[in-house]
Amino acid sequence: MTYLRFDEFTATGPDQGKAGFRLESIELLPVMAQEESCHIIKQYFDYLDNALTAPGESVDIDLLQEMLLEISELLRSGKSPLREDGYLRLLDRLTAIYAKGLRAENDRAFARTAANFADILESVSQSFQDYDYSQSVSLLLHYMDKLFNYREESWIEVLEHLLCMPDSIRIMQQLRSRHLEEIQNWVEEGVDNLFTIRNEQLDLISDLEQTLTSLDVEIIGRHEALLVERRRNAGQNVYRLEHERERREIERLHARCCTLYRERESKLELIDLLDLNIREFAERLSEMRRSTLMKLVWCNPALS
């Protein structure tokens, strides 16, 4: 069988080999038979599986994200119509790959590509709802929780893909009634901006501390220079206007330092408040992830 319009590309995989199966242009592809589509998708998933589970290897996250995006675009393009058995094979394989991340010591590669996993899942769910998505969605909740704790902004992308999945899917009905509404409320209140605001405040605190350090050095230098000048003029009973001006400038610098110290303390208090909100929301995500994953493991002992 001949597969059309493949683009040879060079990428060092986990086995240090070469791969040459990525699609050149989805727009130029003809409408393919199911087995052609499944053959292409299998090659992508084989590479993904090897890359994510290879021990001691540096994973090219950007490459994996690009490849998963290509699968999503292929599925949405209408060029790869799948029947029920094709969707089943795709979902089972992709879910099995990401289930391996539950046991991985370093699951950051799984987590950082989870938004792409969620994108494919959302795309397939629009066309194929006759599937038990419990395991797949539970895995997404697991990685969404991980991403939030890793302070990766893509956790919100996972949530958005979940929210776009059809209501007819049973696990989505359960999540919407129990958890997702609360999480949506948090998002509307700005929880997705907490890390950005925190980082901005830390940058401002760093700037303040640099300014305070410079002011402290300047105050010490001016004070020592003034003392030397006064000792030089001791006993002369001479009032020097420049000495008074220098004393007032030192007082002004001291006052400036006090203002900046208060500003720094208020920003530290804001960071404490942000951290409190982050911890509280992280607990909500963990609670949702634990409750769904416990049900999943109960029904699937092989995952425990």
C-alpha atoms as a PDB file:
ATOM      1  CA  MET A   1       0.000   0.000   0.000  1.00  0.00           C
ATOM      2  CA  THR A   2       1.343   3.465  -0.868  1.00  0.00           C
ATOM      3  CA  TYR A   3       0.904   6.396   1.501  1.00  0.00           C
ATOM      4  CA  LEU A   4       0.829   9.789  -0.167  1.00  0.00           C
ATOM      5  CA  ARG A   5       2.483  13.107   0.638  1.00  0.00           C
ATOM      6  CA  PHE A   6       4.730  12.121   3.505  1.00  0.00           C
ATOM      7  CA  ASP A   7       7.451  14.537   4.497  1.00  0.00           C
ATOM      8  CA  GLU A   8      10.837  13.038   5.315  1.00  0.00           C
ATOM      9  CA  PHE A   9      12.121  14.695   8.418  1.00  0.00           C
ATOM     10  CA  THR A  10      15.115  14.122  10.628  1.00  0.00           C
ATOM     11  CA  ALA A  11      14.518  13.687  14.331  1.00  0.00           C
ATOM     12  CA  THR A  12      16.617  11.812  16.832  1.00  0.00           C
ATOM     13  CA  GLY A  13      14.308   9.478  18.673  1.00  0.00           C
ATOM     14  CA  PRO A  14      14.769   7.547  21.908  1.00  0.00           C
ATOM     15  CA  ASP A  15      16.518   4.793  19.959  1.00  0.00           C
ATOM     16  CA  GLN A  16      18.787   7.375  18.279  1.00  0.00           C
ATOM     17  CA  GLY A  17      17.247   6.366  14.942  1.00  0.00           C
ATOM     18  CA  LYS A  18      15.566   8.398  12.246  1.00  0.00           C
ATOM     19  CA  ALA A  19      11.865   8.808  11.636  1.00  0.00           C
ATOM     20  CA  GLY A  20      10.302   9.777   8.347  1.00  0.00           C
ATOM     21  CA  PHE A  21       6.554   9.574   8.568  1.00  0.00           C
ATOM     22  CA  ARG A  22       5.195  13.030   9.357  1.00  0.00           C
ATOM     23  CA  LEU A  23       2.605  14.543   7.062  1.00  0.00           C
ATOM     24  CA  GLU A  24       3.749  17.210   4.641  1.00  0.00           C
ATOM     25  CA  SER A  25       0.434  18.997   4.237  1.00  0.00           C
ATOM     26  CA  ILE A  26      -2.880  17.840   5.620  1.00  0.00           C
ATOM     27  CA  GLU A  27      -4.691  20.190   3.244  1.00  0.00           C
ATOM     28  CA  LEU A  28      -3.184  18.386   0.248  1.00  0.00           C
ATOM     29  CA  LEU A  29      -4.019  14.911   1.468  1.00  0.00           C
ATOM     30  CA  PRO A  30      -6.740  12.952  -0.311  1.00  0.00           C
ATOM     31  CA  VAL A  31      -9.543  11.420   1.715  1.00  0.00           C
ATOM     32  CA  MET A  32      -7.989   8.195   2.974  1.00  0.00           C
ATOM     33  CA  ALA A  33      -9.319   4.777   3.773  1.00  0.00           C
ATOM     34  CA  GLN A  34      -9.513   3.914   7.444  1.00  0.00           C
ATOM     35  CA  GLU A  35      -6.537   1.538   7.356  1.00  0.00           C
ATOM     36  CA  GLU A  36      -4.387   4.239   5.760  1.00  0.00           C
ATOM     37  CA  SER A  37      -5.350   6.682   8.520  1.00  0.00           C
ATOM     38  CA  CYS A  38      -4.784   4.101  11.238  1.00  0.00           C
ATOM     39  CA  HIS A  39      -1.374   3.249   9.763  1.00  0.00           C
ATOM     40  CA  ILE A  40      -0.311   6.904   9.933  1.00  0.00           C
ATOM     41  CA  ILE A  41      -1.673   7.387  13.435  1.00  0.00           C
ATOM     42  CA  LYS A  42       0.022   4.191  14.629  1.00  0.00           C
ATOM     43  CA  GLN A  43       3.423   5.468  13.479  1.00  0.00           C
ATOM     44  CA  TYR A  44       2.891   8.686  15.407  1.00  0.00           C
ATOM     45  CA  PHE A  45       1.768   6.816  18.507  1.00  0.00           C
ATOM     46  CA  ASP A  46       4.675   4.356  18.304  1.00  0.00           C
ATOM     47  CA  TYR A  47       7.094   7.278  18.307  1.00  0.00           C
ATOM     48  CA  LEU A  48       5.208   9.020  21.108  1.00  0.00           C
ATOM     49  CA  ASP A  49       5.147   5.852  23.227  1.00  0.00           C
ATOM     50  CA  ASN A  50       8.881   5.233  22.793  1.00  0.00           C
ATOM     51  CA  ALA A  51       9.781   8.860  23.491  1.00  0.00           C
ATOM     52  CA  LEU A  52       7.681   9.200  26.642  1.00  0.00           C
ATOM     53  CA  THR A  53       8.761   5.903  28.188  1.00  0.00           C
ATOM     54  CA  ALA A  54      12.444   5.829  27.192  1.00  0.00           C
ATOM     55  CA  PRO A  55      14.617   5.686  30.358  1.00  0.00           C
ATOM     56  CA  GLY A  56      17.219   8.335  30.912  1.00  0.00           C
ATOM     57  CA  GLU A  57      16.536  10.190  27.694  1.00  0.00           C
ATOM     58  CA  SER A  58      15.985  13.880  27.128  1.00  0.00           C
ATOM     59  CA  VAL A  59      12.559  14.185  25.531  1.00  0.00           C
ATOM     60  CA  ASP A  60      11.971  16.764  22.817  1.00  0.00           C
ATOM     61  CA  ILE A  61       8.670  18.081  24.155  1.00  0.00           C
ATOM     62  CA  ASP A  62       8.207  20.566  21.326  1.00  0.00           C
ATOM     63  CA  LEU A  63       8.501  17.791  18.750  1.00  0.00           C
ATOM     64  CA  LEU A  64       5.948  15.599  20.531  1.00  0.00           C
ATOM     65  CA  GLN A  65       3.542  18.525  20.860  1.00  0.00           C
ATOM     66  CA  GLU A  66       3.872  19.239  17.131  1.00  0.00           C
ATOM     67  CA  MET A  67       3.226  15.603  16.257  1.00  0.00           C
ATOM     68  CA  LEU A  68       0.169  15.345  18.488  1.00  0.00           C
ATOM     69  CA  LEU A  69      -1.152  18.578  16.998  1.00  0.00           C
ATOM     70  CA  GLU A  70      -0.774  17.060  13.534  1.00  0.00           C
ATOM     71  CA  ILE A  71      -2.856  14.058  14.612  1.00  0.00           C
ATOM     72  CA  SER A  72      -5.537  16.392  15.967  1.00  0.00           C
ATOM     73  CA  GLU A  73      -5.553  18.403  12.738  1.00  0.00           C
ATOM     74  CA  LEU A  74      -5.740  15.223  10.680  1.00  0.00           C
ATOM     75  CA  LEU A  75      -8.751  14.012  12.650  1.00  0.00           C
ATOM     76  CA  ARG A  76     -10.509  17.355  12.313  1.00  0.00           C
ATOM     77  CA  SER A  77      -9.733  17.713   8.621  1.00  0.00           C
ATOM     78  CA  GLY A  78     -12.186  15.073   7.425  1.00  0.00           C
ATOM     79  CA  LYS A  79      -9.375  13.459   5.437  1.00  0.00           C
ATOM     80  CA  SER A  80      -9.243  10.449   7.777  1.00  0.00           C
ATOM     81  CA  PRO A  81     -12.791   9.227   8.400  1.00  0.00           C
ATOM     82  CA  LEU A  82     -12.779   6.434  10.966  1.00  0.00           C
ATOM     83  CA  ARG A  83     -15.325   3.789  11.787  1.00  0.00           C
ATOM     84  CA  GLU A  84     -16.099   2.595  15.295  1.00  0.00           C
ATOM     85  CA  ASP A  85     -13.254   0.052  15.365  1.00  0.00           C
ATOM     86  CA  GLY A  86     -10.815   2.728  14.191  1.00  0.00           C
ATOM     87  CA  TYR A  87     -11.838   5.132  16.944  1.00  0.00           C
ATOM     88  CA  LEU A  88     -11.611   2.317  19.486  1.00  0.00           C
ATOM     89  CA  ARG A  89      -8.060   1.465  18.451  1.00  0.00           C
ATOM     90  CA  LEU A  90      -7.020   5.128  18.538  1.00  0.00           C
ATOM     91  CA  LEU A  91      -8.529   5.836  21.957  1.00  0.00           C
ATOM     92  CA  ASP A  92      -7.329   2.614  23.545  1.00  0.00           C
ATOM     93  CA  ARG A  93      -3.764   3.129  22.336  1.00  0.00           C
ATOM     94  CA  LEU A  94      -3.500   6.794  23.289  1.00  0.00           C
ATOM     95  CA  THR A  95      -5.050   6.191  26.703  1.00  0.00           C
ATOM     96  CA  ALA A  96      -2.714   3.242  27.315  1.00  0.00           C
ATOM     97  CA  ILE A  97       0.295   5.428  26.486  1.00  0.00           C
ATOM     98  CA  TYR A  98      -0.679   8.152  28.972  1.00  0.00           C
ATOM     99  CA  ALA A  99      -1.628   5.613  31.638  1.00  0.00           C
ATOM    100  CA  LYS A 100       2.078   4.725  31.777  1.00  0.00           C
ATOM    101  CA  GLY A 101       2.735   8.172  33.203  1.00  0.00           C
ATOM    102  CA  LEU A 102       1.013   7.143  36.433  1.00  0.00           C
ATOM    103  CA  ARG A 103       3.992   4.925  37.237  1.00  0.00           C
ATOM    104  CA  ALA A 104       6.748   7.086  35.732  1.00  0.00           C
ATOM    105  CA  GLU A 105       9.273   8.566  38.152  1.00  0.00           C
ATOM    106  CA  ASN A 106       9.547  11.648  35.968  1.00  0.00           C
ATOM    107  CA  ASP A 107       6.152  12.358  34.433  1.00  0.00           C
ATOM    108  CA  ARG A 108       6.829  15.895  33.207  1.00  0.00           C
ATOM    109  CA  ALA A 109       6.921  14.832  29.545  1.00  0.00           C
ATOM    110  CA  PHE A 110       3.532  13.146  29.971  1.00  0.00           C
ATOM    111  CA  ALA A 111       2.162  16.193  31.782  1.00  0.00           C
ATOM    112  CA  ARG A 112       3.545  18.771  29.359  1.00  0.00           C
ATOM    113  CA  THR A 113       1.955  17.008  26.373  1.00  0.00           C
ATOM    114  CA  ALA A 114      -1.323  16.356  28.213  1.00  0.00           C
ATOM    115  CA  ALA A 115      -3.017  19.390  26.633  1.00  0.00           C
ATOM    116  CA  ASN A 116      -2.391  17.780  23.222  1.00  0.00           C
ATOM    117  CA  PHE A 117      -3.773  14.490  24.535  1.00  0.00           C
ATOM    118  CA  ALA A 118      -6.846  16.447  25.671  1.00  0.00           C
ATOM    119  CA  ASP A 119      -7.108  18.115  22.253  1.00  0.00           C
ATOM    120  CA  ILE A 120      -7.236  14.737  20.483  1.00  0.00           C
ATOM    121  CA  LEU A 121      -9.700  13.390  23.021  1.00  0.00           C
ATOM    122  CA  GLU A 122     -12.002  16.368  22.545  1.00  0.00           C
ATOM    123  CA  SER A 123     -11.788  16.028  18.759  1.00  0.00           C
ATOM    124  CA  VAL A 124     -12.637  12.321  18.788  1.00  0.00           C
ATOM    125  CA  SER A 125     -15.419  12.739  21.350  1.00  0.00           C
ATOM    126  CA  GLN A 126     -17.301  15.052  19.003  1.00  0.00           C
ATOM    127  CA  SER A 127     -17.586  12.243  16.441  1.00  0.00           C
ATOM    128  CA  PHE A 128     -17.517   9.144  18.621  1.00  0.00           C
ATOM    129  CA  GLN A 129     -19.410   9.274  21.897  1.00  0.00           C
ATOM    130  CA  ASP A 130     -20.088   5.549  22.189  1.00  0.00           C
ATOM    131  CA  TYR A 131     -16.952   4.923  24.260  1.00  0.00           C
ATOM    132  CA  ASP A 132     -16.170   4.692  27.956  1.00  0.00           C
ATOM    133  CA  TYR A 133     -14.072   7.835  28.402  1.00  0.00           C
ATOM    134  CA  SER A 134     -13.712   7.348  32.169  1.00  0.00           C
ATOM    135  CA  GLN A 135     -10.092   6.245  32.063  1.00  0.00           C
ATOM    136  CA  SER A 136      -9.041   8.855  29.502  1.00  0.00           C
ATOM    137  CA  VAL A 137     -10.737  11.733  31.332  1.00  0.00           C
ATOM    138  CA  SER A 138      -9.400  10.558  34.686  1.00  0.00           C
ATOM    139  CA  LEU A 139      -5.910  10.631  33.252  1.00  0.00           C
ATOM    140  CA  LEU A 140      -6.467  14.184  32.014  1.00  0.00           C
ATOM    141  CA  LEU A 141      -7.586  15.219  35.494  1.00  0.00           C
ATOM    142  CA  HIS A 142      -4.432  13.621  36.884  1.00  0.00           C
ATOM    143  CA  TYR A 143      -2.204  15.565  34.499  1.00  0.00           C
ATOM    144  CA  MET A 144      -4.170  18.783  34.934  1.00  0.00           C
ATOM    145  CA  ASP A 145      -3.501  18.523  38.662  1.00  0.00           C
ATOM    146  CA  LYS A 146       0.174  17.830  37.966  1.00  0.00           C
ATOM    147  CA  LEU A 147       0.474  20.778  35.590  1.00  0.00           C
ATOM    148  CA  PHE A 148      -1.040  23.160  38.116  1.00  0.00           C
ATOM    149  CA  ASN A 149       1.390  21.971  40.783  1.00  0.00           C
ATOM    150  CA  TYR A 150       4.262  22.238  38.299  1.00  0.00           C
ATOM    151  CA  ARG A 151       3.001  25.782  37.652  1.00  0.00           C
ATOM    152  CA  GLU A 152       2.580  25.094  33.949  1.00  0.00           C
ATOM    153  CA  GLU A 153      -0.060  27.344  32.398  1.00  0.00           C
ATOM    154  CA  SER A 154      -1.218  24.577  30.042  1.00  0.00           C
ATOM    155  CA  TRP A 155      -3.375  23.140  32.869  1.00  0.00           C
ATOM    156  CA  ILE A 156      -6.063  25.582  31.760  1.00  0.00           C
ATOM    157  CA  GLU A 157      -5.874  24.206  28.195  1.00  0.00           C
ATOM    158  CA  VAL A 158      -6.620  20.720  29.520  1.00  0.00           C
ATOM    159  CA  LEU A 159      -9.616  22.125  31.390  1.00  0.00           C
ATOM    160  CA  GLU A 160     -10.891  23.954  28.293  1.00  0.00           C
ATOM    161  CA  HIS A 161     -10.713  20.780  26.198  1.00  0.00           C
ATOM    162  CA  LEU A 162     -12.577  18.855  28.905  1.00  0.00           C
ATOM    163  CA  LEU A 163     -15.293  21.487  29.032  1.00  0.00           C
ATOM    164  CA  CYS A 164     -15.759  21.162  25.248  1.00  0.00           C
ATOM    165  CA  MET A 165     -16.439  17.431  25.392  1.00  0.00           C
ATOM    166  CA  PRO A 166     -20.102  16.486  24.841  1.00  0.00           C
ATOM    167  CA  ASP A 167     -22.504  16.348  27.776  1.00  0.00           C
ATOM    168  CA  SER A 168     -23.709  12.971  26.557  1.00  0.00           C
ATOM    169  CA  ILE A 169     -20.500  11.358  27.840  1.00  0.00           C
ATOM    170  CA  ARG A 170     -21.299   9.899  31.237  1.00  0.00           C
ATOM    171  CA  ILE A 171     -18.133  10.873  33.082  1.00  0.00           C
ATOM    172  CA  MET A 172     -18.509  14.454  31.835  1.00  0.00           C
ATOM    173  CA  GLN A 173     -22.042  14.539  33.255  1.00  0.00           C
ATOM    174  CA  GLN A 174     -20.654  13.418  36.615  1.00  0.00           C
ATOM    175  CA  LEU A 175     -17.784  15.887  36.569  1.00  0.00           C
ATOM    176  CA  ARG A 176     -19.975  18.811  35.581  1.00  0.00           C
ATOM    177  CA  SER A 177     -22.416  18.082  38.373  1.00  0.00           C
ATOM    178  CA  ARG A 178     -19.743  17.543  41.028  1.00  0.00           C
ATOM    179  CA  HIS A 179     -16.553  19.419  40.208  1.00  0.00           C
ATOM    180  CA  LEU A 180     -16.263  21.309  36.936  1.00  0.00           C
ATOM    181  CA  GLU A 181     -18.783  24.003  37.868  1.00  0.00           C
ATOM    182  CA  GLU A 182     -16.716  24.870  40.941  1.00  0.00           C
ATOM    183  CA  ILE A 183     -13.510  24.945  38.904  1.00  0.00           C
ATOM    184  CA  GLN A 184     -15.172  27.174  36.303  1.00  0.00           C
ATOM    185  CA  ASN A 185     -16.137  29.574  39.084  1.00  0.00           C
ATOM    186  CA  TRP A 186     -12.520  29.667  40.236  1.00  0.00           C
ATOM    187  CA  VAL A 187     -11.381  30.375  36.693  1.00  0.00           C
ATOM    188  CA  GLU A 188     -13.909  33.190  36.331  1.00  0.00           C
ATOM    189  CA  GLU A 189     -12.519  34.663  39.537  1.00  0.00           C
ATOM    190  CA  GLY A 190      -9.025  34.640  38.044  1.00  0.00           C
ATOM    191  CA  VAL A 191      -7.362  31.497  39.361  1.00  0.00           C
ATOM    192  CA  ASP A 192      -5.673  31.009  35.975  1.00  0.00           C
ATOM    193  CA  ASN A 193      -3.833  34.313  36.557  1.00  0.00           C
ATOM    194  CA  LEU A 194      -2.547  33.517  40.050  1.00  0.00           C
ATOM    195  CA  PHE A 195       0.892  32.372  38.908  1.00  0.00           C
ATOM    196  CA  THR A 196       1.272  35.309  36.541  1.00  0.00           C
ATOM    197  CA  ILE A 197       0.368  37.796  39.276  1.00  0.00           C
ATOM    198  CA  ARG A 198       2.675  36.016  41.734  1.00  0.00           C
ATOM    199  CA  ASN A 199       5.596  36.117  39.314  1.00  0.00           C
ATOM    200  CA  GLU A 200       4.959  39.801  38.607  1.00  0.00           C
ATOM    201  CA  GLN A 201       5.015  40.543  42.325  1.00  0.00           C
ATOM    202  CA  LEU A 202       8.231  38.571  42.790  1.00  0.00           C
ATOM    203  CA  ASP A 203       9.832  40.584  39.974  1.00  0.00           C
ATOM    204  CA  LEU A 204       8.722  43.825  41.629  1.00  0.00           C
ATOM    205  CA  ILE A 205      10.087  42.641  44.985  1.00  0.00           C
ATOM    206  CA  SER A 206      13.391  41.795  43.328  1.00  0.00           C
ATOM    207  CA  ASP A 207      13.529  45.310  41.833  1.00  0.00           C
ATOM    208  CA  LEU A 208      12.704  46.827  45.222  1.00  0.00           C
ATOM    209  CA  GLU A 209      15.436  44.828  46.928  1.00  0.00           C
ATOM    210  CA  GLN A 210      17.998  45.955  44.361  1.00  0.00           C
ATOM    211  CA  THR A 211      16.934  49.566  44.882  1.00  0.00           C
ATOM    212  CA  LEU A 212      17.116  49.155  48.668  1.00  0.00           C
ATOM    213  CA  THR A 213      20.582  47.668  48.432  1.00  0.00           C
ATOM    214  CA  SER A 214      21.751  50.593  46.310  1.00  0.00           C
ATOM    215  CA  LEU A 215      20.179  53.091  48.714  1.00  0.00           C
ATOM    216  CA  ASP A 216      21.812  51.414  51.719  1.00  0.00           C
ATOM    217  CA  VAL A 217      25.206  51.627  50.038  1.00  0.00           C
ATOM    218  CA  GLU A 218      24.629  55.285  49.151  1.00  0.00           C
ATOM    219  CA  ILE A 219      23.451  56.187  52.673  1.00  0.00           C
ATOM    220  CA  ILE A 220      26.454  54.503  54.288  1.00  0.00           C
ATOM    221  CA  GLY A 221      28.835  56.236  51.869  1.00  0.00           C
ATOM    222  CA  ARG A 222      27.278  59.672  52.414  1.00  0.00           C
ATOM    223  CA  HIS A 223      27.168  59.205  56.185  1.00  0.00           C
ATOM    224  CA  GLU A 224      30.831  58.187  56.385  1.00  0.00           C
ATOM    225  CA  ALA A 225      31.887  61.057  54.121  1.00  0.00           C
ATOM    226  CA  LEU A 226      29.931  63.520  56.287  1.00  0.00           C
ATOM    227  CA  LEU A 227      31.570  62.215  59.475  1.00  0.00           C
ATOM    228  CA  VAL A 228      35.025  62.586  57.934  1.00  0.00           C
ATOM    229  CA  GLU A 229      34.240  66.138  56.863  1.00  0.00           C
ATOM    230  CA  ARG A 230      32.912  67.066  60.328  1.00  0.00           C
ATOM    231  CA  ARG A 231      35.980  65.651  62.059  1.00  0.00           C
ATOM    232  CA  ARG A 232      38.160  67.684  59.729  1.00  0.00           C
ATOM    233  CA  ASN A 233      36.323  70.851  60.786  1.00  0.00           C
ATOM    234  CA  ALA A 234      36.022  69.958  64.470  1.00  0.00           C
ATOM    235  CA  GLY A 235      36.881  72.850  66.826  1.00  0.00           C
ATOM    236  CA  GLN A 236      36.709  75.454  64.094  1.00  0.00           C
ATOM    237  CA  ASN A 237      33.223  76.536  65.183  1.00  0.00           C
ATOM    238  CA  VAL A 238      32.287  76.815  61.534  1.00  0.00           C
ATOM    239  CA  TYR A 239      28.787  76.078  60.316  1.00  0.00           C
ATOM    240  CA  ARG A 240      28.863  74.690  56.826  1.00  0.00           C
ATOM    241  CA  LEU A 241      25.673  74.864  54.769  1.00  0.00           C
ATOM    242  CA  GLU A 242      26.748  71.908  52.642  1.00  0.00           C
ATOM    243  CA  HIS A 243      26.909  69.740  55.785  1.00  0.00           C
ATOM    244  CA  GLU A 244      23.291  70.541  56.597  1.00  0.00           C
ATOM    245  CA  ARG A 245      22.228  69.823  53.031  1.00  0.00           C
ATOM    246  CA  GLU A 246      24.011  66.499  53.150  1.00  0.00           C
ATOM    247  CA  ARG A 247      22.361  65.617  56.473  1.00  0.00           C
ATOM    248  CA  ARG A 248      18.930  66.365  55.008  1.00  0.00           C
ATOM    249  CA  GLU A 249      19.707  64.309  51.888  1.00  0.00           C
ATOM    250  CA  ILE A 250      20.634  61.345  54.114  1.00  0.00           C
ATOM    251  CA  GLU A 251      17.353  61.756  56.017  1.00  0.00           C
ATOM    252  CA  ARG A 252      15.477  61.844  52.704  1.00  0.00           C
ATOM    253  CA  LEU A 253      17.179  58.649  51.594  1.00  0.00           C
ATOM    254  CA  HIS A 254      16.306  57.004  54.918  1.00  0.00           C
ATOM    255  CA  ALA A 255      12.654  57.979  54.459  1.00  0.00           C
ATOM    256  CA  ARG A 256      12.740  56.603  50.910  1.00  0.00           C
ATOM    257  CA  CYS A 257      14.088  53.314  52.270  1.00  0.00           C
ATOM    258  CA  CYS A 258      11.302  53.104  54.852  1.00  0.00           C
ATOM    259  CA  THR A 259       8.694  53.635  52.128  1.00  0.00           C
ATOM    260  CA  LEU A 260      10.239  50.951  49.953  1.00  0.00           C
ATOM    261  CA  TYR A 261      10.474  48.524  52.897  1.00  0.00           C
ATOM    262  CA  ARG A 262       6.761  49.018  53.583  1.00  0.00           C
ATOM    263  CA  GLU A 263       5.981  48.490  49.896  1.00  0.00           C
ATOM    264  CA  ARG A 264       8.083  45.313  49.936  1.00  0.00           C
ATOM    265  CA  GLU A 265       6.236  44.007  53.009  1.00  0.00           C
ATOM    266  CA  SER A 266       2.836  44.654  51.427  1.00  0.00           C
ATOM    267  CA  LYS A 267       3.884  42.731  48.315  1.00  0.00           C
ATOM    268  CA  LEU A 268       5.138  39.835  50.459  1.00  0.00           C
ATOM    269  CA  GLU A 269       1.740  39.798  52.189  1.00  0.00           C
ATOM    270  CA  LEU A 270       0.060  39.691  48.762  1.00  0.00           C
ATOM    271  CA  ILE A 271       2.254  36.751  47.764  1.00  0.00           C
ATOM    272  CA  ASP A 272       1.246  34.947  50.968  1.00  0.00           C
ATOM    273  CA  LEU A 273      -2.390  35.508  50.033  1.00  0.00           C
ATOM    274  CA  LEU A 274      -1.775  34.283  46.468  1.00  0.00           C
ATOM    275  CA  ASP A 275       0.002  31.195  47.813  1.00  0.00           C
ATOM    276  CA  LEU A 276      -2.971  30.507  50.063  1.00  0.00           C
ATOM    277  CA  ASN A 277      -5.329  30.662  47.077  1.00  0.00           C
ATOM    278  CA  ILE A 278      -2.987  28.507  44.998  1.00  0.00           C
ATOM    279  CA  ARG A 279      -2.831  25.856  47.734  1.00  0.00           C
ATOM    280  CA  GLU A 280      -6.600  25.896  48.193  1.00  0.00           C
ATOM    281  CA  PHE A 281      -7.262  25.494  44.469  1.00  0.00           C
ATOM    282  CA  ALA A 282      -4.571  22.798  44.200  1.00  0.00           C
ATOM    283  CA  GLU A 283      -6.370  20.899  46.966  1.00  0.00           C
ATOM    284  CA  ARG A 284      -9.623  21.116  44.966  1.00  0.00           C
ATOM    285  CA  LEU A 285      -7.920  19.754  41.867  1.00  0.00           C
ATOM    286  CA  SER A 286      -6.260  16.980  43.849  1.00  0.00           C
ATOM    287  CA  GLU A 287      -9.567  16.072  45.465  1.00  0.00           C
ATOM    288  CA  MET A 288     -11.258  15.847  42.070  1.00  0.00           C
ATOM    289  CA  ARG A 289      -8.372  13.848  40.632  1.00  0.00           C
ATOM    290  CA  ARG A 290      -8.253  11.446  43.599  1.00  0.00           C
ATOM    291  CA  SER A 291     -11.978  10.769  43.615  1.00  0.00           C
ATOM    292  CA  THR A 292     -12.153   9.997  39.897  1.00  0.00           C
ATOM    293  CA  LEU A 293      -8.874   8.066  39.854  1.00  0.00           C
ATOM    294  CA  MET A 294      -9.914   5.940  42.823  1.00  0.00           C
ATOM    295  CA  LYS A 295     -13.061   4.947  40.957  1.00  0.00           C
ATOM    296  CA  LEU A 296     -10.958   4.235  37.879  1.00  0.00           C
ATOM    297  CA  VAL A 297      -8.481   2.025  39.737  1.00  0.00           C
ATOM    298  CA  TRP A 298     -11.323   0.241  41.510  1.00  0.00           C
ATOM    299  CA  CYS A 299     -12.786  -0.673  38.138  1.00  0.00           C
ATOM    300  CA  ASN A 300      -9.363  -1.317  36.537  1.00  0.00           C
ATOM    301  CA  PRO A 301      -7.090  -3.165  39.024  1.00  0.00           C
ATOM    302  CA  ALA A 302      -4.302  -3.310  36.435  1.00  0.00           C
ATOM    303  CA  LEU A 303      -3.711   0.433  36.992  1.00  0.00           C
ATOM    304  CA  SER A 304      -3.212   0.117  40.760  1.00  0.00           C
END
